[in-house]
C-alpha atoms as a PDB file:
ATOM      1  CA  UNK A   1     115.302  82.245  24.244  1.00  0.00           C
ATOM      2  CA  UNK A   2     118.490  80.589  24.995  1.00  0.00           C
ATOM      3  CA  UNK A   3     121.140  80.049  22.431  1.00  0.00           C
ATOM      4  CA  UNK A   4     122.039  76.702  21.855  1.00  0.00           C
ATOM      5  CA  UNK A   5     125.133  75.593  23.294  1.00  0.00           C
ATOM      6  CA  UNK A   6     127.906  73.928  21.083  1.00  0.00           C
ATOM      7  CA  UNK A   7     129.505  70.316  21.706  1.00  0.00           C
ATOM      8  CA  UNK A   8     131.603  68.714  19.190  1.00  0.00           C
ATOM      9  CA  UNK A   9     131.659  65.231  17.802  1.00  0.00           C
ATOM     10  CA  UNK A  10     134.923  65.598  16.361  1.00  0.00           C
ATOM     11  CA  UNK A  11     136.117  66.239  20.122  1.00  0.00           C
ATOM     12  CA  UNK A  12     134.177  62.981  21.568  1.00  0.00           C
ATOM     13  CA  UNK A  13     135.797  60.820  18.730  1.00  0.00           C
ATOM     14  CA  UNK A  14     139.247  62.223  19.039  1.00  0.00           C
ATOM     15  CA  UNK A  15     139.375  61.626  23.160  1.00  0.00           C
ATOM     16  CA  UNK A  16     137.867  58.134  22.311  1.00  0.00           C
ATOM     17  CA  UNK A  17     140.762  57.591  19.950  1.00  0.00           C
ATOM     18  CA  UNK A  18     143.518  59.077  22.432  1.00  0.00           C
ATOM     19  CA  UNK A  19     142.288  56.824  25.044  1.00  0.00           C
ATOM     20  CA  UNK A  20     143.024  53.847  22.612  1.00  0.00           C
ATOM     21  CA  UNK A  21     146.442  55.275  21.832  1.00  0.00           C
ATOM     22  CA  UNK A  22     147.476  55.950  25.429  1.00  0.00           C
ATOM     23  CA  UNK A  23     146.428  52.382  26.059  1.00  0.00           C
ATOM     24  CA  UNK A  24     149.074  51.474  23.517  1.00  0.00           C
ATOM     25  CA  UNK A  25     151.727  53.852  24.619  1.00  0.00           C
ATOM     26  CA  UNK A  26     151.568  57.351  26.492  1.00  0.00           C
ATOM     27  CA  UNK A  27     154.347  58.872  24.614  1.00  0.00           C
ATOM     28  CA  UNK A  28     153.275  57.122  21.112  1.00  0.00           C
ATOM     29  CA  UNK A  29     155.206  59.051  18.205  1.00  0.00           C
ATOM     30  CA  UNK A  30     153.909  58.269  14.618  1.00  0.00           C
ATOM     31  CA  UNK A  31     156.518  60.373  13.050  1.00  0.00           C
ATOM     32  CA  UNK A  32     155.850  63.966  11.310  1.00  0.00           C
ATOM     33  CA  UNK A  33     155.278  65.565  14.532  1.00  0.00           C
ATOM     34  CA  UNK A  34     152.344  63.578  15.697  1.00  0.00           C
ATOM     35  CA  UNK A  35     152.642  62.428  19.261  1.00  0.00           C
ATOM     36  CA  UNK A  36     150.148  61.331  21.630  1.00  0.00           C
ATOM     37  CA  UNK A  37     151.066  64.411  24.073  1.00  0.00           C
ATOM     38  CA  UNK A  38     150.448  66.708  21.037  1.00  0.00           C
ATOM     39  CA  UNK A  39     147.225  65.060  20.555  1.00  0.00           C
ATOM     40  CA  UNK A  40     146.271  65.257  23.969  1.00  0.00           C
ATOM     41  CA  UNK A  41     147.253  69.294  24.000  1.00  0.00           C
ATOM     42  CA  UNK A  42     144.947  69.857  21.021  1.00  0.00           C
ATOM     43  CA  UNK A  43     141.950  67.972  22.480  1.00  0.00           C
ATOM     44  CA  UNK A  44     142.605  70.064  25.743  1.00  0.00           C
ATOM     45  CA  UNK A  45     142.485  73.310  23.568  1.00  0.00           C
ATOM     46  CA  UNK A  46     139.418  72.580  21.932  1.00  0.00           C
ATOM     47  CA  UNK A  47     137.798  71.408  24.984  1.00  0.00           C
ATOM     48  CA  UNK A  48     138.895  74.857  26.644  1.00  0.00           C
ATOM     49  CA  UNK A  49     137.615  76.809  23.621  1.00  0.00           C
ATOM     50  CA  UNK A  50     134.212  75.241  23.493  1.00  0.00           C
ATOM     51  CA  UNK A  51     133.769  75.808  27.142  1.00  0.00           C
ATOM     52  CA  UNK A  52     134.676  79.618  26.643  1.00  0.00           C
ATOM     53  CA  UNK A  53     132.434  79.822  23.676  1.00  0.00           C
ATOM     54  CA  UNK A  54     129.485  78.181  25.763  1.00  0.00           C
ATOM     55  CA  UNK A  55     130.171  80.572  28.704  1.00  0.00           C
ATOM     56  CA  UNK A  56     130.160  83.422  26.257  1.00  0.00           C
ATOM     57  CA  UNK A  57     126.733  82.442  24.935  1.00  0.00           C
ATOM     58  CA  UNK A  58     125.305  82.475  28.454  1.00  0.00           C
ATOM     59  CA  UNK A  59     126.624  85.700  28.977  1.00  0.00           C
ATOM     60  CA  UNK A  60     125.080  86.957  25.892  1.00  0.00           C
ATOM     61  CA  UNK A  61     121.699  85.505  26.821  1.00  0.00           C
ATOM     62  CA  UNK A  62     121.816  87.157  30.195  1.00  0.00           C
ATOM     63  CA  UNK A  63     122.606  90.474  28.727  1.00  0.00           C
ATOM     64  CA  UNK A  64     119.926  89.957  26.000  1.00  0.00           C
ATOM     65  CA  UNK A  65     117.358  89.441  28.832  1.00  0.00           C
ATOM     66  CA  UNK A  66     118.767  92.483  30.702  1.00  0.00           C
ATOM     67  CA  UNK A  67     118.525  94.629  27.433  1.00  0.00           C
ATOM     68  CA  UNK A  68     114.830  93.271  26.648  1.00  0.00           C
ATOM     69  CA  UNK A  69     113.777  94.086  30.233  1.00  0.00           C
ATOM     70  CA  UNK A  70     115.103  97.786  30.368  1.00  0.00           C
ATOM     71  CA  UNK A  71     113.606  98.087  26.964  1.00  0.00           C
ATOM     72  CA  UNK A  72     110.100  97.415  28.586  1.00  0.00           C
ATOM     73  CA  UNK A  73     110.888  99.689  31.334  1.00  0.00           C
ATOM     74  CA  UNK A  74     111.668 102.468  29.270  1.00  0.00           C
ATOM     75  CA  UNK A  75     108.918 102.402  26.950  1.00  0.00           C
ATOM     76  CA  UNK A  76     106.541 102.452  30.151  1.00  0.00           C
ATOM     77  CA  UNK A  77     108.457 105.338  31.481  1.00  0.00           C
ATOM     78  CA  UNK A  78     108.137 107.019  27.897  1.00  0.00           C
ATOM     79  CA  UNK A  79     104.504 106.394  27.826  1.00  0.00           C
ATOM     80  CA  UNK A  80     104.038 107.955  31.439  1.00  0.00           C
ATOM     81  CA  UNK A  81     106.160 110.928  30.570  1.00  0.00           C
ATOM     82  CA  UNK A  82     104.198 111.538  27.549  1.00  0.00           C
ATOM     83  CA  UNK A  83     100.827 111.153  29.329  1.00  0.00           C
ATOM     84  CA  UNK A  84     102.316 113.330  32.091  1.00  0.00           C
ATOM     85  CA  UNK A  85     102.804 116.140  29.763  1.00  0.00           C
ATOM     86  CA  UNK A  86      99.259 115.575  28.185  1.00  0.00           C
ATOM     87  CA  UNK A  87      98.036 115.831  31.720  1.00  0.00           C
ATOM     88  CA  UNK A  88      99.906 119.180  32.311  1.00  0.00           C
ATOM     89  CA  UNK A  89      99.561 120.972  28.967  1.00  0.00           C
ATOM     90  CA  UNK A  90      96.791 119.304  27.391  1.00  0.00           C
ATOM     91  CA  UNK A  91      96.710 117.062  23.984  1.00  0.00           C
ATOM     92  CA  UNK A  92      96.524 119.945  21.739  1.00  0.00           C
ATOM     93  CA  UNK A  93      99.372 121.518  22.979  1.00  0.00           C
ATOM     94  CA  UNK A  94     102.896 122.557  21.579  1.00  0.00           C
ATOM     95  CA  UNK A  95     104.556 120.983  24.491  1.00  0.00           C
ATOM     96  CA  UNK A  96     102.629 117.868  23.961  1.00  0.00           C
ATOM     97  CA  UNK A  97     103.912 117.546  20.352  1.00  0.00           C
ATOM     98  CA  UNK A  98     107.524 118.684  21.462  1.00  0.00           C
ATOM     99  CA  UNK A  99     107.421 115.744  23.794  1.00  0.00           C
ATOM    100  CA  UNK A 100     106.675 113.315  20.824  1.00  0.00           C
ATOM    101  CA  UNK A 101     102.795 113.048  20.853  1.00  0.00           C
ATOM    102  CA  UNK A 102     100.525 113.927  17.921  1.00  0.00           C
ATOM    103  CA  UNK A 103      98.055 116.698  18.438  1.00  0.00           C
ATOM    104  CA  UNK A 104      94.506 115.695  18.950  1.00  0.00           C
ATOM    105  CA  UNK A 105      93.244 117.984  16.253  1.00  0.00           C
ATOM    106  CA  UNK A 106      96.028 116.366  13.805  1.00  0.00           C
ATOM    107  CA  UNK A 107      95.193 112.828  14.372  1.00  0.00           C
ATOM    108  CA  UNK A 108      93.744 111.268  11.066  1.00  0.00           C
ATOM    109  CA  UNK A 109      90.479 109.329  11.652  1.00  0.00           C
ATOM    110  CA  UNK A 110      89.816 106.116  10.050  1.00  0.00           C
ATOM    111  CA  UNK A 111      87.338 106.235   6.925  1.00  0.00           C
ATOM    112  CA  UNK A 112      84.101 104.709   7.776  1.00  0.00           C
ATOM    113  CA  UNK A 113      83.440 101.564   5.555  1.00  0.00           C
ATOM    114  CA  UNK A 114      79.903 101.832   3.681  1.00  0.00           C
ATOM    115  CA  UNK A 115      77.917  98.706   3.689  1.00  0.00           C
ATOM    116  CA  UNK A 116      77.146  97.374   0.264  1.00  0.00           C
ATOM    117  CA  UNK A 117      73.458  96.278  -0.055  1.00  0.00           C
ATOM    118  CA  UNK A 118      72.880  92.636  -1.293  1.00  0.00           C
ATOM    119  CA  UNK A 119      71.002  92.459  -4.160  1.00  0.00           C
END
């Protein structure tokens, strides 16, 4: 499942506000270091960071898919290796146990349930 990409309402609102400010004066300075070019720079920085973040999420999604596929392949390979050891040495062999199998004679059987007579 793909991760949800990020957007920013704050960024959208700031861009709309900047558009209005630029209509007033492209070099507006309201004092205290707050200028239209500084506002534009901060908006561009946030836009760039959100873009990088969303790209990273896409990369993580792709890596997650690859890891899941490799896990499936490895599980299948592991099962076939154990079956191969069982085929060559038998299910009651030490080799089968060394390979991670449980000897046939060591397996616990499920207890049978007894029916209770209605009466």
